[in-house]
Amino acid sequence: MPLPFRIAVLAGVAAAGGLPAQQPVPLRAVCFPLAQVRLLAGELKTEQDAMLGYLLREDPDRLLHNFRINAGLPSTAKPLPGWEAPDCELRGHYAGHFLSALALMYESTGEAALRERGSLLVHELGKCQQALVVHAAQGRGRAARPARALRQPGGARDRGGVRGFRRHVHGGPRRGGDAAHAAHGVRRHAGVSADLFAVTKDDKHLALARRFTHRKVLEPLAEGRDELKGLHANTQIPKVIAQARLFELTGEPWAGKVARFFWQTVTERRCYATGGTSSYE
């Protein structure tokens, strides 16, 4: 979900009242499709062109290296550094952001090569996914995040990959019960599951989003209590965005209370003049 749309959802939730569960909430603010806008010559167009060039230069095989190795598939690509380094516990993270960037830039520019790159990456990740099914007992690898590539206009429509993603995130933590969700750090998957429900209309994704709800952090918000001090902002914000998304899709009052109170307390009492909400992030 693009950041402006996330903000629109939170703002809309803050303004809306509680609705009966399972009733989608009509948004009061929505973002216009990026495809309706094309930048003219100027500073923003220069920045866009620079990013476009970067997205077209990045080697797909390097992005896929860790996924292939984790799946037991051959790879001769030089590993990427930083978050994608083979010894980094965040590996796979950047590849998800890259897919999102491809989808958003394609919608913004209509550049066919971006769509081709996105389709290639999703296809190759699907091969890794299938290989991991064979080696599922090893429990290795990190899930790619296909939701945004699926929902963007013109994006890849790999429904088989979505089903495999659900099996991966639903099956793994289930072995240890609900408590294992916190231990495995998968609580931030709630928003992904909610987005997949919006795309597929499959109730299993909705059930998974609810299982991923991190109630220890979110219940105080639902009760109007600010217990956010000392918590890592970048970890908590996705959990609240997931509740805003669930409220939008289902009208669940509890989810709406979480999102409304979080919006109010952060925007009114926890923002710097620059708009930031934390330090040393």
Protein backbone atom coordinates (compact mmCIF):
# COMPACT_ATOMS: atom_id res chain seq x y z
CA MET A 1 0.00 0.00 0.00
CA PRO A 2 1.60 3.31 -1.04
CA LEU A 3 2.31 5.64 1.89
CA PRO A 4 -0.23 8.35 0.83
CA PHE A 5 -2.91 5.69 0.65
CA ARG A 6 -1.93 4.35 4.06
CA ILE A 7 -2.27 7.84 5.48
CA ALA A 8 -5.62 8.25 3.76
CA VAL A 9 -6.84 5.00 5.30
CA LEU A 10 -5.75 6.02 8.80
CA ALA A 11 -7.24 9.48 8.41
CA GLY A 12 -10.48 8.00 7.08
CA VAL A 13 -10.65 5.59 10.00
CA ALA A 14 -10.07 8.46 12.41
CA ALA A 15 -13.05 10.29 10.96
CA ALA A 16 -15.39 7.32 10.60
CA GLY A 17 -17.58 5.89 13.33
CA GLY A 18 -17.84 2.22 14.30
CA LEU A 19 -19.69 0.03 11.80
CA PRO A 20 -21.04 -3.51 12.15
CA ALA A 21 -18.46 -6.21 11.54
CA GLN A 22 -18.07 -7.50 7.98
CA GLN A 23 -19.36 -4.27 6.45
CA PRO A 24 -16.70 -2.59 4.27
CA VAL A 25 -16.09 1.03 5.22
CA PRO A 26 -16.51 3.65 2.50
CA LEU A 27 -13.33 5.73 2.42
CA ARG A 28 -13.66 9.50 2.76
CA ALA A 29 -10.33 10.05 1.03
CA VAL A 30 -8.75 7.98 -1.71
CA CYS A 31 -5.65 8.39 -3.83
CA PHE A 32 -6.09 8.85 -7.55
CA PRO A 33 -4.37 6.18 -9.68
CA LEU A 34 -0.73 6.97 -10.42
CA ALA A 35 -1.42 6.17 -14.06
CA GLN A 36 -3.53 9.34 -14.28
CA VAL A 37 -0.45 11.53 -13.71
CA ARG A 38 2.64 12.02 -15.84
CA LEU A 39 5.47 14.29 -14.72
CA LEU A 40 6.68 17.05 -17.02
CA ALA A 41 10.24 18.32 -17.25
CA GLY A 42 11.54 19.54 -13.91
CA GLU A 43 13.21 18.43 -10.70
CA LEU A 44 10.69 15.71 -9.90
CA LYS A 45 10.96 14.26 -13.42
CA THR A 46 14.75 14.25 -13.08
CA GLU A 47 14.45 12.29 -9.83
CA GLN A 48 11.95 9.89 -11.38
CA ASP A 49 14.20 9.25 -14.36
CA ALA A 50 17.12 8.54 -12.04
CA MET A 51 15.06 5.98 -10.11
CA LEU A 52 13.78 4.47 -13.35
CA GLY A 53 17.33 3.98 -14.56
CA TYR A 54 18.28 2.34 -11.27
CA LEU A 55 15.35 -0.08 -11.40
CA LEU A 56 16.30 -1.10 -14.92
CA ARG A 57 20.00 -1.54 -14.08
CA GLU A 58 19.69 -3.79 -11.04
CA ASP A 59 20.58 -7.39 -11.86
CA PRO A 60 17.56 -9.69 -11.25
CA ASP A 61 19.86 -12.66 -10.67
CA ARG A 62 21.55 -10.84 -7.79
CA LEU A 63 18.14 -10.05 -6.28
CA LEU A 64 17.17 -13.71 -6.59
CA HIS A 65 20.47 -15.13 -5.30
CA ASN A 66 19.48 -15.68 -1.66
CA PHE A 67 16.06 -17.03 -2.56
CA ARG A 68 17.61 -19.59 -4.90
CA ILE A 69 20.28 -20.63 -2.40
CA ASN A 70 17.66 -20.99 0.37
CA ALA A 71 15.56 -23.15 -1.95
CA GLY A 72 18.51 -25.36 -2.87
CA LEU A 73 18.64 -24.03 -6.43
CA PRO A 74 21.90 -23.10 -8.19
CA SER A 75 23.02 -19.48 -8.37
CA THR A 76 26.27 -18.03 -9.68
CA ALA A 77 25.25 -14.39 -9.15
CA LYS A 78 27.38 -12.11 -7.00
CA PRO A 79 25.40 -11.51 -3.78
CA LEU A 80 24.19 -8.00 -3.10
CA PRO A 81 25.60 -6.22 -0.02
CA GLY A 82 23.75 -4.68 2.91
CA TRP A 83 20.30 -6.06 3.62
CA GLU A 84 20.75 -8.70 0.91
CA ALA A 85 24.11 -9.98 2.15
CA PRO A 86 23.93 -13.79 2.62
CA ASP A 87 24.71 -13.44 6.33
CA CYS A 88 22.15 -10.68 6.98
CA GLU A 89 18.98 -11.71 8.79
CA LEU A 90 17.05 -9.15 6.72
CA ARG A 91 17.95 -10.78 3.41
CA GLY A 92 14.95 -10.94 1.12
CA HIS A 93 13.66 -7.70 2.60
CA TYR A 94 15.12 -5.47 -0.09
CA ALA A 95 13.78 -7.71 -2.84
CA GLY A 96 10.27 -7.07 -1.53
CA HIS A 97 10.82 -3.32 -1.64
CA PHE A 98 12.24 -3.66 -5.15
CA LEU A 99 9.08 -5.44 -6.35
CA SER A 100 6.97 -2.68 -4.85
CA ALA A 101 9.11 -0.05 -6.57
CA LEU A 102 8.75 -1.81 -9.92
CA ALA A 103 4.97 -1.93 -9.60
CA LEU A 104 4.62 1.70 -8.52
CA MET A 105 7.06 2.99 -11.14
CA TYR A 106 5.31 1.00 -13.86
CA GLU A 107 2.00 2.57 -12.92
CA SER A 108 3.65 6.01 -12.85
CA THR A 109 5.44 5.73 -16.20
CA GLY A 110 3.93 2.89 -18.21
CA GLU A 111 7.46 1.66 -18.98
CA ALA A 112 6.94 -1.89 -20.32
CA ALA A 113 10.41 -3.06 -19.24
CA LEU A 114 9.41 -2.57 -15.59
CA ARG A 115 6.44 -4.89 -15.96
CA GLU A 116 8.64 -7.46 -17.66
CA ARG A 117 11.13 -7.28 -14.78
CA GLY A 118 8.39 -7.66 -12.19
CA SER A 119 6.89 -10.65 -14.00
CA LEU A 120 10.34 -12.25 -14.27
CA LEU A 121 11.04 -11.83 -10.56
CA VAL A 122 7.62 -13.17 -9.52
CA HIS A 123 8.04 -16.13 -11.89
CA GLU A 124 11.48 -16.98 -10.56
CA LEU A 125 10.36 -16.54 -6.95
CA GLY A 126 7.60 -19.01 -7.78
CA LYS A 127 10.24 -21.55 -8.77
CA CYS A 128 11.96 -21.00 -5.43
CA GLN A 129 8.64 -21.38 -3.66
CA GLN A 130 7.97 -24.70 -5.36
CA ALA A 131 11.44 -25.95 -4.49
CA LEU A 132 10.90 -24.95 -0.86
CA VAL A 133 7.72 -27.01 -0.74
CA VAL A 134 9.90 -30.04 -1.37
CA HIS A 135 12.28 -29.00 1.41
CA ALA A 136 9.62 -27.56 3.74
CA ALA A 137 10.85 -29.59 6.70
CA GLN A 138 14.09 -27.63 6.64
CA GLY A 139 12.18 -24.43 7.39
CA ARG A 140 14.65 -22.30 5.46
CA GLY A 141 14.15 -19.15 3.43
CA ARG A 142 12.16 -15.96 3.66
CA ALA A 143 8.82 -15.28 2.04
CA ALA A 144 8.68 -12.74 -0.75
CA ARG A 145 5.97 -10.12 -0.47
CA PRO A 146 3.77 -10.38 -3.58
CA ALA A 147 0.74 -8.41 -2.43
CA ARG A 148 1.61 -5.03 -3.92
CA ALA A 149 2.82 -6.50 -7.23
CA LEU A 150 -0.54 -8.26 -7.42
CA ARG A 151 -2.76 -5.30 -6.67
CA GLN A 152 -1.07 -2.66 -8.81
CA PRO A 153 -2.73 -2.17 -12.23
CA GLY A 154 -0.90 -4.21 -14.82
CA GLY A 155 1.00 -6.11 -12.15
CA ALA A 156 1.73 -9.81 -12.13
CA ARG A 157 -1.24 -12.04 -11.27
CA ASP A 158 0.48 -15.06 -9.81
CA ARG A 159 -2.40 -16.55 -7.84
CA GLY A 160 -0.49 -19.80 -7.34
CA GLY A 161 2.27 -17.81 -5.67
CA VAL A 162 -0.26 -16.18 -3.37
CA ARG A 163 -1.63 -19.54 -2.30
CA GLY A 164 1.89 -20.77 -1.65
CA PHE A 165 2.65 -17.63 0.37
CA ARG A 166 -0.40 -18.31 2.54
CA ARG A 167 0.66 -21.91 3.12
CA HIS A 168 4.13 -20.70 4.13
CA VAL A 169 3.05 -18.10 6.66
CA HIS A 170 0.03 -20.06 7.89
CA GLY A 171 1.78 -23.39 8.30
CA GLY A 172 5.05 -22.32 9.92
CA PRO A 173 3.88 -20.39 12.99
CA ARG A 174 0.93 -22.73 13.50
CA ARG A 175 3.26 -25.45 14.74
CA GLY A 176 3.90 -23.40 17.86
CA GLY A 177 0.41 -22.01 18.35
CA ASP A 178 -0.54 -18.33 18.47
CA ALA A 179 2.32 -17.53 20.84
CA ALA A 180 4.77 -18.51 18.12
CA HIS A 181 3.56 -15.60 16.00
CA ALA A 182 5.22 -13.17 18.40
CA ALA A 183 8.32 -15.31 18.73
CA HIS A 184 8.78 -15.50 14.96
CA GLY A 185 8.20 -11.80 14.43
CA VAL A 186 5.41 -12.38 11.89
CA ARG A 187 2.92 -9.96 13.44
CA ARG A 188 3.70 -7.44 10.72
CA HIS A 189 2.32 -9.91 8.15
CA ALA A 190 -1.24 -8.95 9.16
CA GLY A 191 -1.32 -6.11 6.65
CA VAL A 192 -0.01 -8.35 3.88
CA SER A 193 -2.68 -10.92 4.66
CA ALA A 194 -5.36 -8.22 4.68
CA ASP A 195 -4.17 -6.95 1.30
CA LEU A 196 -4.23 -10.49 -0.07
CA PHE A 197 -7.79 -10.88 1.20
CA ALA A 198 -8.73 -7.68 -0.64
CA VAL A 199 -7.21 -9.05 -3.86
CA THR A 200 -8.38 -12.67 -3.66
CA LYS A 201 -11.56 -12.42 -1.52
CA ASP A 202 -10.33 -15.61 0.15
CA ASP A 203 -11.50 -15.73 3.78
CA LYS A 204 -8.42 -17.74 4.73
CA HIS A 205 -6.31 -14.63 4.24
CA LEU A 206 -8.69 -12.69 6.48
CA ALA A 207 -8.43 -15.34 9.18
CA LEU A 208 -4.65 -15.22 8.91
CA ALA A 209 -4.62 -11.43 9.25
CA ARG A 210 -6.60 -11.74 12.48
CA ARG A 211 -4.25 -14.40 13.84
CA PHE A 212 -1.30 -12.11 13.23
CA THR A 213 -2.84 -9.32 15.32
CA HIS A 214 -0.35 -8.38 18.07
CA ARG A 215 -2.77 -7.80 20.90
CA LYS A 216 -0.14 -7.05 23.54
CA VAL A 217 0.68 -3.82 21.71
CA LEU A 218 -2.71 -3.10 20.16
CA GLU A 219 -5.14 -3.75 23.01
CA PRO A 220 -4.04 -0.65 25.00
CA LEU A 221 -4.68 1.42 21.87
CA ALA A 222 -8.15 -0.08 21.50
CA GLU A 223 -8.79 0.94 25.12
CA GLY A 224 -7.54 4.50 24.59
CA ARG A 225 -4.24 4.05 26.46
CA ASP A 226 -0.94 5.34 25.07
CA GLU A 227 1.70 2.74 25.96
CA LEU A 228 3.91 3.40 22.94
CA LYS A 229 6.86 4.94 24.81
CA GLY A 230 10.09 3.09 24.11
CA LEU A 231 8.64 0.92 21.34
CA HIS A 232 10.30 0.72 17.92
CA ALA A 233 8.16 2.89 15.64
CA ASN A 234 8.94 1.09 12.40
CA THR A 235 7.81 -2.19 13.95
CA GLN A 236 4.53 -0.92 15.39
CA ILE A 237 3.25 1.26 12.54
CA PRO A 238 2.64 -1.69 10.15
CA LYS A 239 0.61 -3.43 12.85
CA VAL A 240 -1.69 -0.42 13.14
CA ILE A 241 -1.90 0.05 9.37
CA ALA A 242 -3.06 -3.58 9.22
CA GLN A 243 -5.89 -2.78 11.65
CA ALA A 244 -6.86 0.27 9.58
CA ARG A 245 -6.95 -1.97 6.52
CA LEU A 246 -9.04 -4.59 8.34
CA PHE A 247 -11.46 -1.89 9.49
CA GLU A 248 -11.72 -0.64 5.93
CA LEU A 249 -12.42 -4.16 4.62
CA THR A 250 -14.66 -5.50 7.40
CA GLY A 251 -15.84 -2.64 9.61
CA GLU A 252 -14.59 -4.44 12.74
CA PRO A 253 -15.06 -1.90 15.57
CA TRP A 254 -12.02 -3.11 17.56
CA ALA A 255 -9.71 -2.55 14.59
CA GLY A 256 -11.21 0.89 14.06
CA LYS A 257 -10.58 1.87 17.68
CA VAL A 258 -6.93 0.83 17.40
CA ALA A 259 -6.36 2.86 14.25
CA ARG A 260 -8.26 5.94 15.43
CA PHE A 261 -6.52 6.23 18.79
CA PHE A 262 -3.09 5.57 17.28
CA TRP A 263 -3.67 8.28 14.66
CA GLN A 264 -4.83 10.77 17.27
CA THR A 265 -2.09 10.16 19.81
CA VAL A 266 0.75 10.08 17.26
CA THR A 267 -0.31 13.06 15.15
CA GLU A 268 -1.34 15.21 18.13
CA ARG A 269 1.30 14.34 20.74
CA ARG A 270 4.12 12.33 19.19
CA CYS A 271 5.20 14.20 16.07
CA TYR A 272 8.20 16.48 15.65
CA ALA A 273 7.93 19.68 13.62
CA THR A 274 9.51 17.75 10.72
CA GLY A 275 6.74 15.16 10.79
CA GLY A 276 8.96 12.43 12.24
CA THR A 277 7.66 10.27 15.08
CA SER A 278 10.81 8.70 16.56
CA SER A 279 14.55 9.15 16.99
CA TYR A 280 17.42 6.78 16.20
CA GLU A 281 15.02 4.88 13.93
